[in-house]
N, C-alpha and C. Protein backbone atom coordinates (compact mmCIF):
# COMPACT_ATOMS: atom_id res chain seq x y z
N MET A 1 79.45 44.13 -128.12
CA MET A 1 79.26 43.16 -127.08
C MET A 1 77.80 42.66 -127.14
N THR A 2 77.62 41.37 -126.88
CA THR A 2 76.27 40.79 -126.91
C THR A 2 75.49 41.21 -125.66
N PRO A 3 74.18 41.08 -125.69
CA PRO A 3 73.39 41.34 -124.47
C PRO A 3 73.71 40.29 -123.39
N TRP A 4 73.37 40.61 -122.15
CA TRP A 4 73.56 39.65 -121.07
C TRP A 4 72.71 38.41 -121.33
N ALA A 5 73.27 37.23 -121.09
CA ALA A 5 72.55 35.96 -121.24
C ALA A 5 73.06 35.02 -120.14
N TRP A 6 72.28 34.02 -119.84
CA TRP A 6 72.65 33.01 -118.83
C TRP A 6 73.15 31.76 -119.54
N TRP A 7 74.20 31.14 -118.98
CA TRP A 7 74.83 29.96 -119.54
C TRP A 7 74.97 28.90 -118.46
N ALA A 8 74.88 27.63 -118.85
CA ALA A 8 75.06 26.51 -117.91
C ALA A 8 76.15 25.59 -118.44
N GLY A 9 76.92 25.03 -117.51
CA GLY A 9 77.99 24.12 -117.90
C GLY A 9 78.38 23.21 -116.76
N HIS A 10 79.11 22.16 -117.10
CA HIS A 10 79.64 21.25 -116.09
C HIS A 10 80.71 21.98 -115.28
N ILE A 11 80.85 21.61 -114.02
CA ILE A 11 81.85 22.24 -113.15
C ILE A 11 83.24 22.07 -113.76
N GLY A 12 83.98 23.17 -113.86
CA GLY A 12 85.34 23.13 -114.38
C GLY A 12 85.46 23.02 -115.89
N GLU A 13 84.34 23.13 -116.61
CA GLU A 13 84.36 23.02 -118.07
C GLU A 13 83.69 24.25 -118.69
N ASP A 14 83.61 24.28 -120.03
CA ASP A 14 82.94 25.37 -120.71
C ASP A 14 81.44 25.34 -120.43
N TYR A 15 80.81 26.44 -120.70
CA TYR A 15 79.36 26.57 -120.49
C TYR A 15 78.64 26.15 -121.77
N GLU A 16 78.56 24.84 -121.99
CA GLU A 16 77.99 24.33 -123.24
C GLU A 16 76.69 23.53 -123.06
N ILE A 17 76.17 23.46 -121.84
CA ILE A 17 74.94 22.68 -121.63
C ILE A 17 73.73 23.44 -122.15
N ALA A 18 73.63 24.73 -121.79
CA ALA A 18 72.44 25.49 -122.18
C ALA A 18 72.74 26.99 -122.14
N GLU A 19 71.92 27.73 -122.88
CA GLU A 19 71.94 29.20 -122.87
C GLU A 19 70.50 29.66 -122.84
N ALA A 20 70.22 30.71 -122.07
CA ALA A 20 68.86 31.24 -121.99
C ALA A 20 68.90 32.70 -121.56
N SER A 21 67.78 33.37 -121.68
CA SER A 21 67.72 34.79 -121.34
C SER A 21 67.48 35.06 -119.86
N SER A 22 67.12 34.02 -119.09
CA SER A 22 66.89 34.22 -117.66
C SER A 22 67.53 33.09 -116.85
N ARG A 23 67.75 33.35 -115.56
CA ARG A 23 68.34 32.37 -114.66
C ARG A 23 67.46 31.12 -114.59
N ASP A 24 66.16 31.31 -114.34
CA ASP A 24 65.26 30.16 -114.22
C ASP A 24 65.22 29.33 -115.50
N ALA A 25 65.21 30.00 -116.65
CA ALA A 25 65.14 29.29 -117.93
C ALA A 25 66.40 28.47 -118.18
N VAL A 26 67.58 28.99 -117.83
CA VAL A 26 68.81 28.23 -118.07
C VAL A 26 68.89 27.03 -117.11
N ILE A 27 68.42 27.18 -115.89
CA ILE A 27 68.41 26.05 -114.95
C ILE A 27 67.49 24.95 -115.46
N GLN A 28 66.30 25.32 -115.89
CA GLN A 28 65.36 24.33 -116.42
C GLN A 28 65.90 23.65 -117.67
N ALA A 29 66.52 24.41 -118.57
CA ALA A 29 67.09 23.83 -119.79
C ALA A 29 68.23 22.88 -119.46
N ALA A 30 69.08 23.27 -118.53
CA ALA A 30 70.21 22.41 -118.15
C ALA A 30 69.71 21.12 -117.52
N ARG A 31 68.71 21.21 -116.68
CA ARG A 31 68.18 20.01 -116.02
C ARG A 31 67.56 19.03 -117.01
N ARG A 32 67.10 19.53 -118.15
CA ARG A 32 66.58 18.63 -119.19
C ARG A 32 67.71 17.90 -119.91
N GLU A 33 68.94 18.45 -119.86
CA GLU A 33 70.07 17.90 -120.60
C GLU A 33 71.00 17.00 -119.79
N ILE A 34 70.91 17.06 -118.47
CA ILE A 34 71.83 16.30 -117.62
C ILE A 34 71.07 15.37 -116.69
N ALA A 35 71.80 14.51 -116.00
CA ALA A 35 71.20 13.59 -115.04
C ALA A 35 70.60 14.37 -113.86
N PRO A 36 69.49 13.90 -113.31
CA PRO A 36 68.84 14.61 -112.19
C PRO A 36 69.73 14.81 -110.96
N SER A 37 70.70 13.95 -110.77
CA SER A 37 71.57 14.04 -109.60
C SER A 37 72.83 14.88 -109.84
N GLU A 38 72.99 15.43 -111.04
CA GLU A 38 74.22 16.12 -111.42
C GLU A 38 74.25 17.58 -110.94
N THR A 39 75.41 18.01 -110.44
CA THR A 39 75.65 19.40 -110.07
C THR A 39 76.26 20.10 -111.28
N PHE A 40 75.86 21.36 -111.50
CA PHE A 40 76.40 22.12 -112.62
C PHE A 40 76.54 23.58 -112.21
N GLN A 41 77.11 24.40 -113.10
CA GLN A 41 77.29 25.81 -112.80
C GLN A 41 76.55 26.66 -113.82
N ILE A 42 76.16 27.85 -113.38
CA ILE A 42 75.55 28.82 -114.29
C ILE A 42 76.27 30.15 -114.12
N ILE A 43 76.18 30.98 -115.14
CA ILE A 43 76.78 32.31 -115.09
C ILE A 43 76.02 33.22 -116.04
N GLU A 44 75.95 34.48 -115.67
CA GLU A 44 75.40 35.49 -116.56
C GLU A 44 76.59 36.16 -117.24
N ALA A 45 76.56 36.25 -118.56
CA ALA A 45 77.75 36.71 -119.27
C ALA A 45 77.40 37.43 -120.56
N ARG A 46 78.38 38.20 -121.02
CA ARG A 46 78.34 38.85 -122.32
C ARG A 46 79.56 38.41 -123.11
N SER A 47 79.40 38.25 -124.41
CA SER A 47 80.50 37.85 -125.29
C SER A 47 80.86 38.99 -126.23
N SER A 48 82.00 38.84 -126.87
CA SER A 48 82.44 39.82 -127.85
C SER A 48 81.76 39.59 -129.18
N THR A 49 81.56 40.65 -129.91
CA THR A 49 81.06 40.54 -131.28
C THR A 49 82.14 40.95 -132.27
N ASP A 50 83.38 41.08 -131.80
CA ASP A 50 84.49 41.47 -132.67
C ASP A 50 84.69 40.47 -133.80
N ARG A 51 85.07 40.96 -134.94
CA ARG A 51 85.26 40.14 -136.12
C ARG A 51 86.40 39.13 -135.96
N HIS A 52 87.39 39.42 -135.12
CA HIS A 52 88.51 38.48 -135.02
C HIS A 52 88.10 37.17 -134.34
N PHE A 53 86.87 37.09 -133.82
CA PHE A 53 86.37 35.84 -133.26
C PHE A 53 85.56 35.04 -134.27
N ASP A 54 85.31 35.61 -135.46
CA ASP A 54 84.56 34.88 -136.49
C ASP A 54 85.27 33.57 -136.82
N GLY A 55 84.53 32.50 -136.82
CA GLY A 55 85.08 31.20 -137.14
C GLY A 55 85.75 30.50 -135.97
N ALA A 56 85.82 31.14 -134.82
CA ALA A 56 86.42 30.51 -133.64
C ALA A 56 85.48 29.46 -133.08
N ASP A 57 86.04 28.41 -132.50
CA ASP A 57 85.22 27.38 -131.88
C ASP A 57 84.55 27.88 -130.61
N VAL A 58 85.26 28.71 -129.86
CA VAL A 58 84.74 29.25 -128.60
C VAL A 58 84.96 30.76 -128.60
N ILE A 59 83.91 31.50 -128.28
CA ILE A 59 84.03 32.94 -128.13
C ILE A 59 84.05 33.23 -126.63
N PRO A 60 85.11 33.82 -126.13
CA PRO A 60 85.23 34.03 -124.69
C PRO A 60 84.23 35.07 -124.17
N PHE A 61 83.87 34.91 -122.90
CA PHE A 61 83.05 35.92 -122.25
C PHE A 61 83.90 37.16 -122.01
N VAL A 62 83.33 38.32 -122.26
CA VAL A 62 84.01 39.58 -122.03
C VAL A 62 83.69 40.09 -120.62
N ARG A 63 82.47 39.90 -120.20
CA ARG A 63 82.02 40.30 -118.86
C ARG A 63 81.20 39.15 -118.27
N THR A 64 81.35 38.94 -116.97
CA THR A 64 80.56 37.92 -116.28
C THR A 64 80.07 38.46 -114.95
N ARG A 65 78.98 37.87 -114.47
CA ARG A 65 78.45 38.17 -113.15
C ARG A 65 77.51 37.04 -112.74
N ASN A 66 77.20 36.96 -111.47
CA ASN A 66 76.20 36.03 -110.95
C ASN A 66 76.52 34.56 -111.18
N HIS A 67 77.75 34.15 -110.92
CA HIS A 67 78.12 32.74 -111.02
C HIS A 67 77.51 31.98 -109.85
N GLU A 68 76.93 30.79 -110.13
CA GLU A 68 76.35 29.94 -109.09
C GLU A 68 76.65 28.48 -109.39
N ILE A 69 76.77 27.70 -108.32
CA ILE A 69 76.82 26.25 -108.43
C ILE A 69 75.40 25.76 -108.14
N ILE A 70 74.85 24.99 -109.05
CA ILE A 70 73.48 24.49 -108.92
C ILE A 70 73.53 23.02 -108.55
N THR A 71 72.94 22.68 -107.43
CA THR A 71 72.85 21.30 -106.97
C THR A 71 71.44 20.77 -107.25
N PRO A 72 71.25 19.46 -107.14
CA PRO A 72 69.90 18.92 -107.36
C PRO A 72 68.84 19.54 -106.45
N GLU A 73 69.25 20.06 -105.29
CA GLU A 73 68.31 20.63 -104.34
C GLU A 73 68.00 22.11 -104.61
N THR A 74 68.74 22.77 -105.51
CA THR A 74 68.53 24.20 -105.79
C THR A 74 67.21 24.37 -106.53
N PRO A 75 66.32 25.23 -106.01
CA PRO A 75 65.06 25.47 -106.74
C PRO A 75 65.31 26.27 -108.01
N ALA A 76 64.50 26.03 -109.01
CA ALA A 76 64.61 26.77 -110.28
C ALA A 76 63.94 28.10 -110.17
């Protein structure tokens, strides 16, 4: 299993906007990639390192915690 990392994504979609080692870093990275008025979600997660995921387009999270909806007013 991979170490815990933070991920950002559009609401209801995959977490493909940004990845970082801390909550603040992923929020800042996501805000650089999206419109200032856009709401997005973040999550702290671990992924599998199993070989059967090699070559897969998406590797699912094995464990998650600390899901948040980030609005333009949320401080980083």
